[in-house]
Amino acid sequence: MKVEIKDLSFKCIIGILDFERIKKQKVIVDISFKYKFKKDTFIDYSKVSSFIESKMKEKKFLLIEDAINYFQSKLHKMYKISNLHIKISKPKILKNCIVSVSN
């Protein structure tokens, strides 16, 4: 099975610029992964979403790359998943575009 979580949006502290360390900004997280589904076991996507949002807010990452590396490691330890793809976007950091980093 493939799980896709798209447009998970919230505000948090992320970035290396001075103003980014003070004021929360909107981020958008897209994540997908595959896992072997069995009738009695499944991955609760609401828990995955809550985990990502709470850790982004708690950790206050300097770089998007740091956040992606953190989630890659943690999600692989928490679940038996493969083909993990994570994209984190900062839609308002620049006036004329959306900046994203993905693995």
N, C-alpha and C. Protein backbone atom coordinates (compact mmCIF):
# COMPACT_ATOMS: atom_id res chain seq x y z
N MET A 1 0.84 -1.19 0.00
CA MET A 1 0.00 0.00 0.00
C MET A 1 0.88 1.25 0.00
N LYS A 2 0.34 2.31 -0.53
CA LYS A 2 1.04 3.59 -0.53
C LYS A 2 0.20 4.61 0.23
N VAL A 3 0.83 5.27 1.18
CA VAL A 3 0.19 6.33 1.95
C VAL A 3 0.74 7.66 1.44
N GLU A 4 -0.16 8.61 1.19
CA GLU A 4 0.23 9.95 0.78
C GLU A 4 -0.46 10.96 1.69
N ILE A 5 0.33 11.82 2.26
CA ILE A 5 -0.19 12.93 3.06
C ILE A 5 0.24 14.19 2.33
N LYS A 6 -0.73 14.95 1.85
CA LYS A 6 -0.42 16.13 1.04
C LYS A 6 -0.93 17.39 1.72
N ASP A 7 -0.17 18.44 1.56
CA ASP A 7 -0.56 19.78 2.02
C ASP A 7 -0.82 19.85 3.52
N LEU A 8 -0.03 19.15 4.32
CA LEU A 8 -0.10 19.28 5.78
C LEU A 8 0.48 20.65 6.11
N SER A 9 -0.37 21.58 6.53
CA SER A 9 0.02 22.98 6.71
C SER A 9 -0.10 23.40 8.17
N PHE A 10 0.91 24.14 8.62
CA PHE A 10 0.92 24.69 9.97
C PHE A 10 2.03 25.73 10.05
N LYS A 11 2.10 26.45 11.15
CA LYS A 11 3.14 27.44 11.35
C LYS A 11 4.13 26.94 12.39
N CYS A 12 5.41 27.23 12.14
CA CYS A 12 6.46 26.84 13.07
C CYS A 12 7.69 27.73 12.85
N ILE A 13 8.64 27.60 13.75
CA ILE A 13 9.93 28.27 13.60
C ILE A 13 10.82 27.34 12.78
N ILE A 14 11.29 27.82 11.64
CA ILE A 14 12.24 27.06 10.82
C ILE A 14 13.01 28.05 9.97
N GLY A 15 14.31 27.87 9.89
CA GLY A 15 15.12 28.74 9.05
C GLY A 15 16.34 29.26 9.79
N ILE A 16 17.26 29.85 9.02
CA ILE A 16 18.50 30.36 9.60
C ILE A 16 18.56 31.88 9.66
N LEU A 17 17.65 32.54 8.98
CA LEU A 17 17.64 34.00 9.01
C LEU A 17 17.11 34.49 10.36
N ASP A 18 17.57 35.66 10.80
CA ASP A 18 17.21 36.19 12.11
C ASP A 18 15.70 36.23 12.33
N PHE A 19 14.97 36.77 11.35
CA PHE A 19 13.52 36.91 11.52
C PHE A 19 12.81 35.55 11.54
N GLU A 20 13.42 34.53 10.92
CA GLU A 20 12.83 33.19 10.92
C GLU A 20 12.94 32.51 12.28
N ARG A 21 13.87 32.95 13.09
CA ARG A 21 14.07 32.38 14.42
C ARG A 21 13.12 33.01 15.44
N ILE A 22 12.45 34.09 15.05
CA ILE A 22 11.56 34.81 15.96
C ILE A 22 10.10 34.57 15.63
N LYS A 23 9.75 34.72 14.36
CA LYS A 23 8.35 34.65 13.94
C LYS A 23 8.06 33.32 13.24
N LYS A 24 6.97 32.68 13.64
CA LYS A 24 6.56 31.44 12.99
C LYS A 24 6.15 31.73 11.55
N GLN A 25 6.44 30.77 10.68
CA GLN A 25 6.03 30.90 9.29
C GLN A 25 5.31 29.63 8.85
N LYS A 26 4.50 29.77 7.84
CA LYS A 26 3.75 28.64 7.32
C LYS A 26 4.69 27.68 6.60
N VAL A 27 4.50 26.39 6.87
CA VAL A 27 5.18 25.35 6.11
C VAL A 27 4.12 24.38 5.59
N ILE A 28 4.46 23.72 4.51
CA ILE A 28 3.59 22.69 3.93
C ILE A 28 4.43 21.43 3.79
N VAL A 29 3.94 20.33 4.33
CA VAL A 29 4.66 19.07 4.26
C VAL A 29 3.86 18.08 3.41
N ASP A 30 4.56 17.46 2.48
CA ASP A 30 4.01 16.37 1.69
C ASP A 30 4.88 15.15 1.97
N ILE A 31 4.25 14.03 2.24
CA ILE A 31 5.00 12.82 2.56
C ILE A 31 4.28 11.63 1.93
N SER A 32 5.06 10.69 1.46
CA SER A 32 4.49 9.44 0.95
C SER A 32 5.44 8.30 1.29
N PHE A 33 4.86 7.12 1.44
CA PHE A 33 5.66 5.93 1.72
C PHE A 33 4.83 4.69 1.40
N LYS A 34 5.51 3.58 1.27
CA LYS A 34 4.85 2.31 1.02
C LYS A 34 5.07 1.40 2.23
N TYR A 35 4.12 0.51 2.45
CA TYR A 35 4.28 -0.50 3.49
C TYR A 35 3.46 -1.72 3.12
N LYS A 36 3.80 -2.82 3.75
CA LYS A 36 3.10 -4.07 3.49
C LYS A 36 1.88 -4.14 4.41
N PHE A 37 0.72 -4.00 3.81
CA PHE A 37 -0.53 -4.01 4.56
C PHE A 37 -0.95 -5.44 4.89
N LYS A 38 -1.34 -5.60 6.14
CA LYS A 38 -1.95 -6.86 6.59
C LYS A 38 -3.25 -6.49 7.26
N LYS A 39 -4.19 -7.40 7.24
CA LYS A 39 -5.53 -7.11 7.74
C LYS A 39 -5.52 -6.58 9.18
N ASP A 40 -4.65 -7.10 10.01
CA ASP A 40 -4.64 -6.71 11.42
C ASP A 40 -3.61 -5.62 11.75
N THR A 41 -2.84 -5.19 10.76
CA THR A 41 -1.87 -4.12 11.01
C THR A 41 -1.97 -3.07 9.91
N PHE A 42 -1.91 -1.84 10.32
CA PHE A 42 -1.93 -0.73 9.37
C PHE A 42 -1.22 0.45 10.01
N ILE A 43 -0.84 1.40 9.19
CA ILE A 43 -0.20 2.62 9.69
C ILE A 43 -1.24 3.71 9.77
N ASP A 44 -1.40 4.26 10.94
CA ASP A 44 -2.39 5.32 11.19
C ASP A 44 -1.83 6.65 10.68
N TYR A 45 -2.32 7.10 9.53
CA TYR A 45 -1.79 8.32 8.92
C TYR A 45 -2.05 9.56 9.78
N SER A 46 -3.08 9.53 10.62
CA SER A 46 -3.32 10.68 11.50
C SER A 46 -2.19 10.80 12.54
N LYS A 47 -1.67 9.66 12.99
CA LYS A 47 -0.55 9.69 13.94
C LYS A 47 0.73 10.17 13.26
N VAL A 48 0.93 9.77 12.02
CA VAL A 48 2.10 10.24 11.26
C VAL A 48 2.02 11.76 11.09
N SER A 49 0.86 12.26 10.71
CA SER A 49 0.66 13.71 10.53
C SER A 49 0.89 14.47 11.82
N SER A 50 0.32 13.99 12.90
CA SER A 50 0.48 14.65 14.21
C SER A 50 1.93 14.64 14.66
N PHE A 51 2.62 13.52 14.43
CA PHE A 51 4.03 13.41 14.81
C PHE A 51 4.86 14.45 14.06
N ILE A 52 4.65 14.55 12.76
CA ILE A 52 5.41 15.51 11.95
C ILE A 52 5.16 16.94 12.43
N GLU A 53 3.90 17.29 12.60
CA GLU A 53 3.59 18.66 13.03
C GLU A 53 4.16 18.96 14.41
N SER A 54 3.99 18.06 15.36
CA SER A 54 4.46 18.33 16.72
C SER A 54 5.98 18.42 16.79
N LYS A 55 6.68 17.57 16.05
CA LYS A 55 8.15 17.60 16.07
C LYS A 55 8.70 18.82 15.34
N MET A 56 8.05 19.24 14.26
CA MET A 56 8.48 20.46 13.57
C MET A 56 8.37 21.66 14.51
N LYS A 57 7.29 21.71 15.26
CA LYS A 57 7.09 22.82 16.19
C LYS A 57 8.07 22.74 17.37
N GLU A 58 8.31 21.55 17.85
CA GLU A 58 9.19 21.36 19.00
C GLU A 58 10.67 21.59 18.65
N LYS A 59 11.12 21.05 17.55
CA LYS A 59 12.55 21.05 17.21
C LYS A 59 13.05 22.38 16.66
N LYS A 60 12.18 23.16 16.04
CA LYS A 60 12.57 24.47 15.48
C LYS A 60 13.84 24.33 14.63
N PHE A 61 13.76 23.51 13.61
CA PHE A 61 14.91 23.21 12.76
C PHE A 61 15.50 24.46 12.12
N LEU A 62 16.81 24.46 11.95
CA LEU A 62 17.46 25.55 11.24
C LEU A 62 17.27 25.41 9.73
N LEU A 63 17.48 24.22 9.22
CA LEU A 63 17.37 23.97 7.79
C LEU A 63 16.26 22.97 7.49
N ILE A 64 15.62 23.14 6.36
CA ILE A 64 14.64 22.16 5.91
C ILE A 64 15.31 20.79 5.77
N GLU A 65 16.54 20.80 5.28
CA GLU A 65 17.29 19.55 5.12
C GLU A 65 17.45 18.80 6.44
N ASP A 66 17.67 19.55 7.52
CA ASP A 66 17.77 18.93 8.86
C ASP A 66 16.47 18.25 9.23
N ALA A 67 15.37 18.89 8.94
CA ALA A 67 14.05 18.31 9.26
C ALA A 67 13.82 17.04 8.45
N ILE A 68 14.14 17.07 7.18
CA ILE A 68 13.95 15.89 6.34
C ILE A 68 14.80 14.73 6.84
N ASN A 69 16.06 14.99 7.15
CA ASN A 69 16.93 13.93 7.68
C ASN A 69 16.39 13.37 8.99
N TYR A 70 15.90 14.23 9.86
CA TYR A 70 15.33 13.80 11.13
C TYR A 70 14.13 12.86 10.90
N PHE A 71 13.21 13.28 10.04
CA PHE A 71 12.00 12.48 9.81
C PHE A 71 12.30 11.18 9.07
N GLN A 72 13.26 11.21 8.17
CA GLN A 72 13.66 9.96 7.51
C GLN A 72 14.11 8.94 8.55
N SER A 73 14.95 9.36 9.44
CA SER A 73 15.48 8.46 10.47
C SER A 73 14.37 7.98 11.40
N LYS A 74 13.60 8.89 11.92
CA LYS A 74 12.56 8.55 12.91
C LYS A 74 11.46 7.67 12.32
N LEU A 75 10.98 8.00 11.13
CA LEU A 75 9.87 7.24 10.55
C LEU A 75 10.30 5.82 10.18
N HIS A 76 11.54 5.66 9.75
CA HIS A 76 12.03 4.31 9.45
C HIS A 76 12.18 3.48 10.73
N LYS A 77 12.46 4.13 11.85
CA LYS A 77 12.55 3.41 13.13
C LYS A 77 11.16 3.09 13.69
N MET A 78 10.21 3.95 13.44
CA MET A 78 8.86 3.77 13.97
C MET A 78 8.03 2.75 13.19
N TYR A 79 8.25 2.70 11.88
CA TYR A 79 7.40 1.88 11.01
C TYR A 79 8.26 1.10 10.01
N LYS A 80 7.72 -0.01 9.55
CA LYS A 80 8.37 -0.76 8.47
C LYS A 80 7.86 -0.20 7.16
N ILE A 81 8.56 0.80 6.65
CA ILE A 81 8.14 1.50 5.44
C ILE A 81 9.27 1.49 4.41
N SER A 82 8.90 1.75 3.18
CA SER A 82 9.88 1.90 2.10
C SER A 82 9.45 3.05 1.20
N ASN A 83 10.32 3.43 0.30
CA ASN A 83 10.03 4.50 -0.67
C ASN A 83 9.52 5.77 0.01
N LEU A 84 10.17 6.16 1.08
CA LEU A 84 9.78 7.37 1.81
C LEU A 84 10.21 8.61 1.05
N HIS A 85 9.24 9.47 0.78
CA HIS A 85 9.50 10.75 0.12
C HIS A 85 8.91 11.86 0.98
N ILE A 86 9.72 12.87 1.25
CA ILE A 86 9.29 13.99 2.07
C ILE A 86 9.62 15.28 1.32
N LYS A 87 8.66 16.18 1.28
CA LYS A 87 8.88 17.51 0.71
C LYS A 87 8.36 18.53 1.72
N ILE A 88 9.20 19.50 2.04
CA ILE A 88 8.81 20.58 2.95
C ILE A 88 8.93 21.89 2.18
N SER A 89 7.85 22.67 2.19
CA SER A 89 7.80 23.93 1.47
C SER A 89 7.59 25.09 2.43
N LYS A 90 8.20 26.22 2.06
CA LYS A 90 8.00 27.48 2.77
C LYS A 90 7.36 28.44 1.76
N PRO A 91 6.03 28.50 1.74
CA PRO A 91 5.35 29.22 0.66
C PRO A 91 5.45 30.74 0.71
N LYS A 92 5.87 31.30 1.83
CA LYS A 92 5.87 32.77 1.92
C LYS A 92 7.24 33.36 2.20
N ILE A 93 8.30 32.55 2.10
CA ILE A 93 9.64 33.07 2.40
C ILE A 93 10.13 34.03 1.32
N LEU A 94 9.74 33.80 0.08
CA LEU A 94 10.05 34.71 -1.03
C LEU A 94 8.74 35.19 -1.65
N LYS A 95 8.74 36.41 -2.14
CA LYS A 95 7.51 37.01 -2.65
C LYS A 95 6.99 36.36 -3.92
N ASN A 96 7.89 35.90 -4.78
CA ASN A 96 7.45 35.48 -6.11
C ASN A 96 7.53 33.97 -6.36
N CYS A 97 7.70 33.17 -5.30
CA CYS A 97 7.76 31.72 -5.52
C CYS A 97 7.58 30.96 -4.20
N ILE A 98 7.41 29.66 -4.32
CA ILE A 98 7.36 28.76 -3.17
C ILE A 98 8.67 27.99 -3.16
N VAL A 99 9.37 28.00 -2.05
CA VAL A 99 10.63 27.29 -1.91
C VAL A 99 10.36 25.95 -1.24
N SER A 100 10.91 24.87 -1.82
CA SER A 100 10.74 23.52 -1.28
C SER A 100 12.06 22.78 -1.30
N VAL A 101 12.17 21.83 -0.37
CA VAL A 101 13.29 20.88 -0.39
C VAL A 101 12.67 19.51 -0.22
N SER A 102 13.18 18.54 -0.99
CA SER A 102 12.68 17.18 -0.88
C SER A 102 13.84 16.19 -0.95
N ASN A 103 13.57 14.99 -0.50
CA ASN A 103 14.60 13.95 -0.57
C ASN A 103 14.45 13.12 -1.81
